[in-house]
Amino acid sequence: MWTVGGLELNARLLVGTGRYSDFETMSAAHDAAGTQMVTMAIRRVDLEAQGTDNLLEHIDRSRIHLLPNTAGCFTAEDAVLTARMAAELLDTKWLKL
């Protein structure tokens, strides 16, 4: 077990959410890896998508923590805006730069 910022994790493997052929494959990969934290590019997530079209519907947040990242940001201002957006929309203080 390891502790980072007050969060206790058993798995040290962090897995992403991109480059999978579909959400079901992504979810299966997360399960197979036993990960407890996944990274996600917040700027690439359609937060208004409903049902199965929404990435967040395919991540079991009761056992997997989200680590939003600033992929797609090209300026410091974009990265700060994205970080604030992630904190508010996903209710997290975590961010991968």
PDB file of N, CA and C in Angstrom:
ATOM      1  N   MET A   1       0.846  -1.173   0.000  1.00  0.00           N
ATOM      2  CA  MET A   1       0.000   0.000   0.000  1.00  0.00           C
ATOM      3  C   MET A   1       0.896   1.241   0.000  1.00  0.00           C
ATOM      4  N   TRP A   2       0.429   2.274  -0.691  1.00  0.00           N
ATOM      5  CA  TRP A   2       1.156   3.540  -0.669  1.00  0.00           C
ATOM      6  C   TRP A   2       0.171   4.681  -0.510  1.00  0.00           C
ATOM      7  N   THR A   3       0.629   5.765   0.074  1.00  0.00           N
ATOM      8  CA  THR A   3      -0.219   6.915   0.334  1.00  0.00           C
ATOM      9  C   THR A   3       0.327   8.117  -0.415  1.00  0.00           C
ATOM     10  N   VAL A   4      -0.555   8.768  -1.147  1.00  0.00           N
ATOM     11  CA  VAL A   4      -0.192   9.983  -1.887  1.00  0.00           C
ATOM     12  C   VAL A   4      -1.246  11.029  -1.565  1.00  0.00           C
ATOM     13  N   GLY A   5      -0.818  12.130  -0.959  1.00  0.00           N
ATOM     14  CA  GLY A   5      -1.749  13.208  -0.650  1.00  0.00           C
ATOM     15  C   GLY A   5      -2.952  12.767   0.158  1.00  0.00           C
ATOM     16  N   GLY A   6      -2.761  11.814   1.061  1.00  0.00           N
ATOM     17  CA  GLY A   6      -3.851  11.335   1.897  1.00  0.00           C
ATOM     18  C   GLY A   6      -4.689  10.232   1.272  1.00  0.00           C
ATOM     19  N   LEU A   7      -4.410   9.883   0.027  1.00  0.00           N
ATOM     20  CA  LEU A   7      -5.136   8.821  -0.661  1.00  0.00           C
ATOM     21  C   LEU A   7      -4.333   7.534  -0.567  1.00  0.00           C
ATOM     22  N   GLU A   8      -4.941   6.493  -0.009  1.00  0.00           N
ATOM     23  CA  GLU A   8      -4.266   5.203   0.121  1.00  0.00           C
ATOM     24  C   GLU A   8      -4.619   4.321  -1.068  1.00  0.00           C
ATOM     25  N   LEU A   9      -3.595   3.824  -1.740  1.00  0.00           N
ATOM     26  CA  LEU A   9      -3.776   2.963  -2.911  1.00  0.00           C
ATOM     27  C   LEU A   9      -3.000   1.670  -2.715  1.00  0.00           C
ATOM     28  N   ASN A  10      -3.560   0.579  -3.205  1.00  0.00           N
ATOM     29  CA  ASN A  10      -2.859  -0.699  -3.199  1.00  0.00           C
ATOM     30  C   ASN A  10      -2.102  -0.908  -4.499  1.00  0.00           C
ATOM     31  N   ALA A  11      -2.662  -0.409  -5.585  1.00  0.00           N
ATOM     32  CA  ALA A  11      -2.055  -0.584  -6.908  1.00  0.00           C
ATOM     33  C   ALA A  11      -1.205   0.637  -7.258  1.00  0.00           C
ATOM     34  N   ARG A  12      -0.005   0.390  -7.756  1.00  0.00           N
ATOM     35  CA  ARG A  12       0.874   1.483  -8.171  1.00  0.00           C
ATOM     36  C   ARG A  12       0.787   1.777  -9.660  1.00  0.00           C
ATOM     37  N   LEU A  13       0.019   0.988 -10.378  1.00  0.00           N
ATOM     38  CA  LEU A  13      -0.099   1.153 -11.814  1.00  0.00           C
ATOM     39  C   LEU A  13      -1.212   2.146 -12.144  1.00  0.00           C
ATOM     40  N   LEU A  14      -0.843   3.244 -12.804  1.00  0.00           N
ATOM     41  CA  LEU A  14      -1.810   4.224 -13.292  1.00  0.00           C
ATOM     42  C   LEU A  14      -2.016   3.948 -14.772  1.00  0.00           C
ATOM     43  N   VAL A  15      -3.265   3.945 -15.200  1.00  0.00           N
ATOM     44  CA  VAL A  15      -3.614   3.615 -16.579  1.00  0.00           C
ATOM     45  C   VAL A  15      -4.388   4.781 -17.163  1.00  0.00           C
ATOM     46  N   GLY A  16      -4.286   4.961 -18.468  1.00  0.00           N
ATOM     47  CA  GLY A  16      -4.991   6.047 -19.135  1.00  0.00           C
ATOM     48  C   GLY A  16      -6.369   5.644 -19.624  1.00  0.00           C
ATOM     49  N   THR A  17      -7.029   6.608 -20.264  1.00  0.00           N
ATOM     50  CA  THR A  17      -8.358   6.378 -20.820  1.00  0.00           C
ATOM     51  C   THR A  17      -8.377   6.554 -22.335  1.00  0.00           C
ATOM     52  N   GLY A  18      -7.274   6.938 -22.917  1.00  0.00           N
ATOM     53  CA  GLY A  18      -7.241   7.209 -24.352  1.00  0.00           C
ATOM     54  C   GLY A  18      -6.736   6.031 -25.163  1.00  0.00           C
ATOM     55  N   ARG A  19      -6.993   6.103 -26.448  1.00  0.00           N
ATOM     56  CA  ARG A  19      -6.485   5.171 -27.452  1.00  0.00           C
ATOM     57  C   ARG A  19      -7.044   3.759 -27.384  1.00  0.00           C
ATOM     58  N   TYR A  20      -8.194   3.625 -26.769  1.00  0.00           N
ATOM     59  CA  TYR A  20      -8.883   2.338 -26.793  1.00  0.00           C
ATOM     60  C   TYR A  20      -9.888   2.366 -27.943  1.00  0.00           C
ATOM     61  N   SER A  21     -10.208   1.212 -28.482  1.00  0.00           N
ATOM     62  CA  SER A  21     -11.143   1.168 -29.604  1.00  0.00           C
ATOM     63  C   SER A  21     -12.568   1.523 -29.189  1.00  0.00           C
ATOM     64  N   ASP A  22     -12.898   1.271 -27.914  1.00  0.00           N
ATOM     65  CA  ASP A  22     -14.224   1.635 -27.408  1.00  0.00           C
ATOM     66  C   ASP A  22     -14.172   1.637 -25.880  1.00  0.00           C
ATOM     67  N   PHE A  23     -15.244   2.137 -25.272  1.00  0.00           N
ATOM     68  CA  PHE A  23     -15.281   2.250 -23.815  1.00  0.00           C
ATOM     69  C   PHE A  23     -15.263   0.898 -23.115  1.00  0.00           C
ATOM     70  N   GLU A  24     -15.863  -0.112 -23.728  1.00  0.00           N
ATOM     71  CA  GLU A  24     -15.884  -1.436 -23.116  1.00  0.00           C
ATOM     72  C   GLU A  24     -14.473  -2.012 -23.026  1.00  0.00           C
ATOM     73  N   THR A  25     -13.680  -1.819 -24.075  1.00  0.00           N
ATOM     74  CA  THR A  25     -12.292  -2.289 -24.067  1.00  0.00           C
ATOM     75  C   THR A  25     -11.493  -1.551 -23.008  1.00  0.00           C
ATOM     76  N   MET A  26     -11.710  -0.242 -22.898  1.00  0.00           N
ATOM     77  CA  MET A  26     -11.028   0.559 -21.887  1.00  0.00           C
ATOM     78  C   MET A  26     -11.352   0.040 -20.490  1.00  0.00           C
ATOM     79  N   SER A  27     -12.621  -0.165 -20.225  1.00  0.00           N
ATOM     80  CA  SER A  27     -13.056  -0.632 -18.911  1.00  0.00           C
ATOM     81  C   SER A  27     -12.467  -2.004 -18.595  1.00  0.00           C
ATOM     82  N   ALA A  28     -12.448  -2.889 -19.586  1.00  0.00           N
ATOM     83  CA  ALA A  28     -11.871  -4.220 -19.393  1.00  0.00           C
ATOM     84  C   ALA A  28     -10.376  -4.131 -19.098  1.00  0.00           C
ATOM     85  N   ALA A  29      -9.683  -3.214 -19.767  1.00  0.00           N
ATOM     86  CA  ALA A  29      -8.244  -3.025 -19.526  1.00  0.00           C
ATOM     87  C   ALA A  29      -8.001  -2.508 -18.108  1.00  0.00           C
ATOM     88  N   HIS A  30      -8.829  -1.603 -17.646  1.00  0.00           N
ATOM     89  CA  HIS A  30      -8.694  -1.095 -16.274  1.00  0.00           C
ATOM     90  C   HIS A  30      -8.902  -2.223 -15.269  1.00  0.00           C
ATOM     91  N   ASP A  31      -9.909  -3.049 -15.513  1.00  0.00           N
ATOM     92  CA  ASP A  31     -10.173  -4.181 -14.618  1.00  0.00           C
ATOM     93  C   ASP A  31      -9.010  -5.167 -14.616  1.00  0.00           C
ATOM     94  N   ALA A  32      -8.505  -5.498 -15.802  1.00  0.00           N
ATOM     95  CA  ALA A  32      -7.400  -6.461 -15.916  1.00  0.00           C
ATOM     96  C   ALA A  32      -6.134  -5.941 -15.245  1.00  0.00           C
ATOM     97  N   ALA A  33      -5.917  -4.639 -15.334  1.00  0.00           N
ATOM     98  CA  ALA A  33      -4.713  -4.037 -14.739  1.00  0.00           C
ATOM     99  C   ALA A  33      -4.824  -3.924 -13.225  1.00  0.00           C
ATOM    100  N   GLY A  34      -6.044  -3.925 -12.712  1.00  0.00           N
ATOM    101  CA  GLY A  34      -6.231  -3.759 -11.273  1.00  0.00           C
ATOM    102  C   GLY A  34      -5.905  -2.354 -10.803  1.00  0.00           C
ATOM    103  N   THR A  35      -5.968  -1.409 -11.707  1.00  0.00           N
ATOM    104  CA  THR A  35      -5.613  -0.035 -11.362  1.00  0.00           C
ATOM    105  C   THR A  35      -6.627   0.591 -10.421  1.00  0.00           C
ATOM    106  N   GLN A  36      -6.182   1.534  -9.632  1.00  0.00           N
ATOM    107  CA  GLN A  36      -7.066   2.283  -8.756  1.00  0.00           C
ATOM    108  C   GLN A  36      -7.095   3.764  -9.142  1.00  0.00           C
ATOM    109  N   MET A  37      -6.338   4.123 -10.194  1.00  0.00           N
ATOM    110  CA  MET A  37      -6.322   5.504 -10.650  1.00  0.00           C
ATOM    111  C   MET A  37      -6.101   5.524 -12.150  1.00  0.00           C
ATOM    112  N   VAL A  38      -6.923   6.308 -12.854  1.00  0.00           N
ATOM    113  CA  VAL A  38      -6.769   6.454 -14.295  1.00  0.00           C
ATOM    114  C   VAL A  38      -6.594   7.928 -14.646  1.00  0.00           C
ATOM    115  N   THR A  39      -5.745   8.166 -15.629  1.00  0.00           N
ATOM    116  CA  THR A  39      -5.564   9.519 -16.130  1.00  0.00           C
ATOM    117  C   THR A  39      -6.553   9.757 -17.264  1.00  0.00           C
ATOM    118  N   MET A  40      -6.975  10.999 -17.398  1.00  0.00           N
ATOM    119  CA  MET A  40      -7.896  11.344 -18.476  1.00  0.00           C
ATOM    120  C   MET A  40      -7.664  12.784 -18.907  1.00  0.00           C
ATOM    121  N   ALA A  41      -7.677  13.005 -20.207  1.00  0.00           N
ATOM    122  CA  ALA A  41      -7.513  14.351 -20.756  1.00  0.00           C
ATOM    123  C   ALA A  41      -8.858  15.057 -20.645  1.00  0.00           C
ATOM    124  N   ILE A  42      -8.968  15.960 -19.707  1.00  0.00           N
ATOM    125  CA  ILE A  42     -10.238  16.623 -19.432  1.00  0.00           C
ATOM    126  C   ILE A  42     -10.751  17.387 -20.650  1.00  0.00           C
ATOM    127  N   ARG A  43      -9.864  17.902 -21.471  1.00  0.00           N
ATOM    128  CA  ARG A  43     -10.289  18.673 -22.646  1.00  0.00           C
ATOM    129  C   ARG A  43     -10.869  17.785 -23.741  1.00  0.00           C
ATOM    130  N   ARG A  44     -10.653  16.494 -23.633  1.00  0.00           N
ATOM    131  CA  ARG A  44     -11.166  15.563 -24.646  1.00  0.00           C
ATOM    132  C   ARG A  44     -12.435  14.832 -24.210  1.00  0.00           C
ATOM    133  N   VAL A  45     -12.922  15.148 -23.028  1.00  0.00           N
ATOM    134  CA  VAL A  45     -14.107  14.484 -22.503  1.00  0.00           C
ATOM    135  C   VAL A  45     -15.326  15.351 -22.796  1.00  0.00           C
ATOM    136  N   ASP A  46     -16.339  14.736 -23.376  1.00  0.00           N
ATOM    137  CA  ASP A  46     -17.603  15.427 -23.619  1.00  0.00           C
ATOM    138  C   ASP A  46     -18.431  15.307 -22.348  1.00  0.00           C
ATOM    139  N   LEU A  47     -18.352  16.331 -21.511  1.00  0.00           N
ATOM    140  CA  LEU A  47     -19.022  16.284 -20.216  1.00  0.00           C
ATOM    141  C   LEU A  47     -20.533  16.429 -20.333  1.00  0.00           C
ATOM    142  N   GLU A  48     -21.019  16.772 -21.509  1.00  0.00           N
ATOM    143  CA  GLU A  48     -22.457  16.883 -21.720  1.00  0.00           C
ATOM    144  C   GLU A  48     -23.052  15.610 -22.330  1.00  0.00           C
ATOM    145  N   ALA A  49     -22.213  14.659 -22.709  1.00  0.00           N
ATOM    146  CA  ALA A  49     -22.703  13.406 -23.299  1.00  0.00           C
ATOM    147  C   ALA A  49     -23.522  12.652 -22.260  1.00  0.00           C
ATOM    148  N   GLN A  50     -24.546  12.019 -22.716  1.00  0.00           N
ATOM    149  CA  GLN A  50     -25.446  11.278 -21.831  1.00  0.00           C
ATOM    150  C   GLN A  50     -25.275   9.769 -22.035  1.00  0.00           C
ATOM    151  N   GLY A  51     -25.486   9.014 -20.979  1.00  0.00           N
ATOM    152  CA  GLY A  51     -25.488   7.551 -21.071  1.00  0.00           C
ATOM    153  C   GLY A  51     -24.158   6.965 -21.487  1.00  0.00           C
ATOM    154  N   THR A  52     -24.200   6.001 -22.394  1.00  0.00           N
ATOM    155  CA  THR A  52     -23.003   5.251 -22.767  1.00  0.00           C
ATOM    156  C   THR A  52     -22.028   6.042 -23.622  1.00  0.00           C
ATOM    157  N   ASP A  53     -22.426   7.231 -24.104  1.00  0.00           N
ATOM    158  CA  ASP A  53     -21.506   8.055 -24.884  1.00  0.00           C
ATOM    159  C   ASP A  53     -20.547   8.839 -23.998  1.00  0.00           C
ATOM    160  N   ASN A  54     -20.704   8.740 -22.705  1.00  0.00           N
ATOM    161  CA  ASN A  54     -19.902   9.499 -21.761  1.00  0.00           C
ATOM    162  C   ASN A  54     -18.812   8.606 -21.162  1.00  0.00           C
ATOM    163  N   LEU A  55     -17.578   9.015 -21.325  1.00  0.00           N
ATOM    164  CA  LEU A  55     -16.428   8.285 -20.779  1.00  0.00           C
ATOM    165  C   LEU A  55     -16.612   7.980 -19.302  1.00  0.00           C
ATOM    166  N   LEU A  56     -17.123   8.929 -18.553  1.00  0.00           N
ATOM    167  CA  LEU A  56     -17.250   8.774 -17.111  1.00  0.00           C
ATOM    168  C   LEU A  56     -18.230   7.668 -16.713  1.00  0.00           C
ATOM    169  N   GLU A  57     -19.137   7.315 -17.598  1.00  0.00           N
ATOM    170  CA  GLU A  57     -20.078   6.225 -17.324  1.00  0.00           C
ATOM    171  C   GLU A  57     -19.382   4.860 -17.333  1.00  0.00           C
ATOM    172  N   HIS A  58     -18.180   4.801 -17.842  1.00  0.00           N
ATOM    173  CA  HIS A  58     -17.466   3.529 -17.986  1.00  0.00           C
ATOM    174  C   HIS A  58     -16.303   3.388 -17.001  1.00  0.00           C
ATOM    175  N   ILE A  59     -16.263   4.259 -16.032  1.00  0.00           N
ATOM    176  CA  ILE A  59     -15.237   4.193 -14.984  1.00  0.00           C
ATOM    177  C   ILE A  59     -15.947   4.060 -13.642  1.00  0.00           C
ATOM    178  N   ASP A  60     -15.652   2.982 -12.937  1.00  0.00           N
ATOM    179  CA  ASP A  60     -16.264   2.739 -11.631  1.00  0.00           C
ATOM    180  C   ASP A  60     -15.568   3.618 -10.601  1.00  0.00           C
ATOM    181  N   ARG A  61     -16.145   4.776 -10.362  1.00  0.00           N
ATOM    182  CA  ARG A  61     -15.505   5.752  -9.471  1.00  0.00           C
ATOM    183  C   ARG A  61     -15.559   5.352  -8.006  1.00  0.00           C
ATOM    184  N   SER A  62     -16.253   4.270  -7.685  1.00  0.00           N
ATOM    185  CA  SER A  62     -16.233   3.791  -6.300  1.00  0.00           C
ATOM    186  C   SER A  62     -14.918   3.083  -5.987  1.00  0.00           C
ATOM    187  N   ARG A  63     -14.195   2.661  -7.033  1.00  0.00           N
ATOM    188  CA  ARG A  63     -12.906   1.980  -6.815  1.00  0.00           C
ATOM    189  C   ARG A  63     -11.765   2.548  -7.643  1.00  0.00           C
ATOM    190  N   ILE A  64     -12.078   3.421  -8.607  1.00  0.00           N
ATOM    191  CA  ILE A  64     -11.045   4.011  -9.455  1.00  0.00           C
ATOM    192  C   ILE A  64     -11.109   5.528  -9.334  1.00  0.00           C
ATOM    193  N   HIS A  65      -9.995   6.118  -8.936  1.00  0.00           N
ATOM    194  CA  HIS A  65      -9.896   7.570  -8.804  1.00  0.00           C
ATOM    195  C   HIS A  65      -9.495   8.170 -10.150  1.00  0.00           C
ATOM    196  N   LEU A  66     -10.019   9.350 -10.423  1.00  0.00           N
ATOM    197  CA  LEU A  66      -9.686  10.044 -11.666  1.00  0.00           C
ATOM    198  C   LEU A  66      -8.500  10.967 -11.458  1.00  0.00           C
ATOM    199  N   LEU A  67      -7.622  10.986 -12.428  1.00  0.00           N
ATOM    200  CA  LEU A  67      -6.489  11.901 -12.433  1.00  0.00           C
ATOM    201  C   LEU A  67      -6.556  12.688 -13.740  1.00  0.00           C
ATOM    202  N   PRO A  68      -7.322  13.783 -13.749  1.00  0.00           N
ATOM    203  CA  PRO A  68      -7.428  14.569 -14.973  1.00  0.00           C
ATOM    204  C   PRO A  68      -6.085  15.179 -15.328  1.00  0.00           C
ATOM    205  N   ASN A  69      -5.846  15.324 -16.635  1.00  0.00           N
ATOM    206  CA  ASN A  69      -4.591  15.937 -17.061  1.00  0.00           C
ATOM    207  C   ASN A  69      -4.861  17.087 -18.012  1.00  0.00           C
ATOM    208  N   THR A  70      -3.811  17.807 -18.314  1.00  0.00           N
ATOM    209  CA  THR A  70      -3.926  19.012 -19.131  1.00  0.00           C
ATOM    210  C   THR A  70      -3.509  18.771 -20.578  1.00  0.00           C
ATOM    211  N   ALA A  71      -3.631  17.553 -21.044  1.00  0.00           N
ATOM    212  CA  ALA A  71      -3.311  17.254 -22.441  1.00  0.00           C
ATOM    213  C   ALA A  71      -4.152  18.148 -23.344  1.00  0.00           C
ATOM    214  N   GLY A  72      -3.531  18.683 -24.363  1.00  0.00           N
ATOM    215  CA  GLY A  72      -4.225  19.576 -25.285  1.00  0.00           C
ATOM    216  C   GLY A  72      -4.068  21.033 -24.943  1.00  0.00           C
ATOM    217  N   CYS A  73      -3.440  21.331 -23.829  1.00  0.00           N
ATOM    218  CA  CYS A  73      -3.193  22.721 -23.447  1.00  0.00           C
ATOM    219  C   CYS A  73      -1.827  23.153 -23.983  1.00  0.00           C
ATOM    220  N   PHE A  74      -1.785  24.332 -24.568  1.00  0.00           N
ATOM    221  CA  PHE A  74      -0.540  24.820 -25.143  1.00  0.00           C
ATOM    222  C   PHE A  74       0.003  26.053 -24.439  1.00  0.00           C
ATOM    223  N   THR A  75      -0.762  26.602 -23.509  1.00  0.00           N
ATOM    224  CA  THR A  75      -0.290  27.760 -22.744  1.00  0.00           C
ATOM    225  C   THR A  75      -0.554  27.512 -21.268  1.00  0.00           C
ATOM    226  N   ALA A  76       0.134  28.260 -20.428  1.00  0.00           N
ATOM    227  CA  ALA A  76      -0.081  28.158 -18.985  1.00  0.00           C
ATOM    228  C   ALA A  76      -1.514  28.547 -18.640  1.00  0.00           C
ATOM    229  N   GLU A  77      -2.037  29.533 -19.326  1.00  0.00           N
ATOM    230  CA  GLU A  77      -3.411  29.973 -19.065  1.00  0.00           C
ATOM    231  C   GLU A  77      -4.412  28.857 -19.361  1.00  0.00           C
ATOM    232  N   ASP A  78      -4.207  28.150 -20.475  1.00  0.00           N
ATOM    233  CA  ASP A  78      -5.077  27.019 -20.802  1.00  0.00           C
ATOM    234  C   ASP A  78      -4.989  25.923 -19.737  1.00  0.00           C
ATOM    235  N   ALA A  79      -3.776  25.645 -19.276  1.00  0.00           N
ATOM    236  CA  ALA A  79      -3.580  24.600 -18.268  1.00  0.00           C
ATOM    237  C   ALA A  79      -4.265  24.970 -16.955  1.00  0.00           C
ATOM    238  N   VAL A  80      -4.162  26.224 -16.541  1.00  0.00           N
ATOM    239  CA  VAL A  80      -4.808  26.673 -15.297  1.00  0.00           C
ATOM    240  C   VAL A  80      -6.323  26.603 -15.437  1.00  0.00           C
ATOM    241  N   LEU A  81      -6.853  27.057 -16.560  1.00  0.00           N
ATOM    242  CA  LEU A  81      -8.293  26.998 -16.796  1.00  0.00           C
ATOM    243  C   LEU A  81      -8.787  25.553 -16.785  1.00  0.00           C
ATOM    244  N   THR A  82      -8.048  24.678 -17.430  1.00  0.00           N
ATOM    245  CA  THR A  82      -8.411  23.256 -17.474  1.00  0.00           C
ATOM    246  C   THR A  82      -8.350  22.639 -16.083  1.00  0.00           C
ATOM    247  N   ALA A  83      -7.346  23.000 -15.301  1.00  0.00           N
ATOM    248  CA  ALA A  83      -7.221  22.487 -13.933  1.00  0.00           C
ATOM    249  C   ALA A  83      -8.407  22.921 -13.087  1.00  0.00           C
ATOM    250  N   ARG A  84      -8.800  24.160 -13.212  1.00  0.00           N
ATOM    251  CA  ARG A  84      -9.947  24.661 -12.440  1.00  0.00           C
ATOM    252  C   ARG A  84     -11.239  23.975 -12.877  1.00  0.00           C
ATOM    253  N   MET A  85     -11.361  23.778 -14.177  1.00  0.00           N
ATOM    254  CA  MET A  85     -12.545  23.110 -14.705  1.00  0.00           C
ATOM    255  C   MET A  85     -12.618  21.673 -14.182  1.00  0.00           C
ATOM    256  N   ALA A  86     -11.498  20.969 -14.200  1.00  0.00           N
ATOM    257  CA  ALA A  86     -11.458  19.586 -13.717  1.00  0.00           C
ATOM    258  C   ALA A  86     -11.815  19.521 -12.239  1.00  0.00           C
ATOM    259  N   ALA A  87     -11.267  20.423 -11.455  1.00  0.00           N
ATOM    260  CA  ALA A  87     -11.543  20.433 -10.015  1.00  0.00           C
ATOM    261  C   ALA A  87     -13.028  20.604  -9.740  1.00  0.00           C
ATOM    262  N   GLU A  88     -13.660  21.496 -10.484  1.00  0.00           N
ATOM    263  CA  GLU A  88     -15.078  21.760 -10.259  1.00  0.00           C
ATOM    264  C   GLU A  88     -15.975  20.664 -10.814  1.00  0.00           C
ATOM    265  N   LEU A  89     -15.730  20.255 -12.033  1.00  0.00           N
ATOM    266  CA  LEU A  89     -16.618  19.290 -12.683  1.00  0.00           C
ATOM    267  C   LEU A  89     -16.471  17.868 -12.150  1.00  0.00           C
ATOM    268  N   LEU A  90     -15.249  17.504 -11.759  1.00  0.00           N
ATOM    269  CA  LEU A  90     -15.003  16.126 -11.323  1.00  0.00           C
ATOM    270  C   LEU A  90     -14.842  16.012  -9.807  1.00  0.00           C
ATOM    271  N   ASP A  91     -14.958  17.143  -9.125  1.00  0.00           N
ATOM    272  CA  ASP A  91     -14.835  17.161  -7.666  1.00  0.00           C
ATOM    273  C   ASP A  91     -13.544  16.475  -7.218  1.00  0.00           C
ATOM    274  N   THR A  92     -12.425  16.977  -7.747  1.00  0.00           N
ATOM    275  CA  THR A  92     -11.124  16.401  -7.402  1.00  0.00           C
ATOM    276  C   THR A  92     -10.099  17.501  -7.192  1.00  0.00           C
ATOM    277  N   LYS A  93      -9.135  17.230  -6.339  1.00  0.00           N
ATOM    278  CA  LYS A  93      -8.016  18.152  -6.162  1.00  0.00           C
ATOM    279  C   LYS A  93      -6.771  17.633  -6.880  1.00  0.00           C
ATOM    280  N   TRP A  94      -6.936  16.512  -7.578  1.00  0.00           N
ATOM    281  CA  TRP A  94      -5.830  15.887  -8.276  1.00  0.00           C
ATOM    282  C   TRP A  94      -5.713  16.423  -9.703  1.00  0.00           C
ATOM    283  N   LEU A  95      -4.481  16.536 -10.182  1.00  0.00           N
ATOM    284  CA  LEU A  95      -4.244  16.981 -11.548  1.00  0.00           C
ATOM    285  C   LEU A  95      -2.872  16.507 -12.023  1.00  0.00           C
ATOM    286  N   LYS A  96      -2.829  16.013 -13.226  1.00  0.00           N
ATOM    287  CA  LYS A  96      -1.569  15.621 -13.859  1.00  0.00           C
ATOM    288  C   LYS A  96      -1.242  16.691 -14.894  1.00  0.00           C
ATOM    289  N   LEU A  97      -0.077  17.308 -14.750  1.00  0.00           N
ATOM    290  CA  LEU A  97       0.334  18.340 -15.720  1.00  0.00           C
ATOM    291  C   LEU A  97       1.111  17.719 -16.832  1.00  0.00           C
TER     292      LEU A  97
END
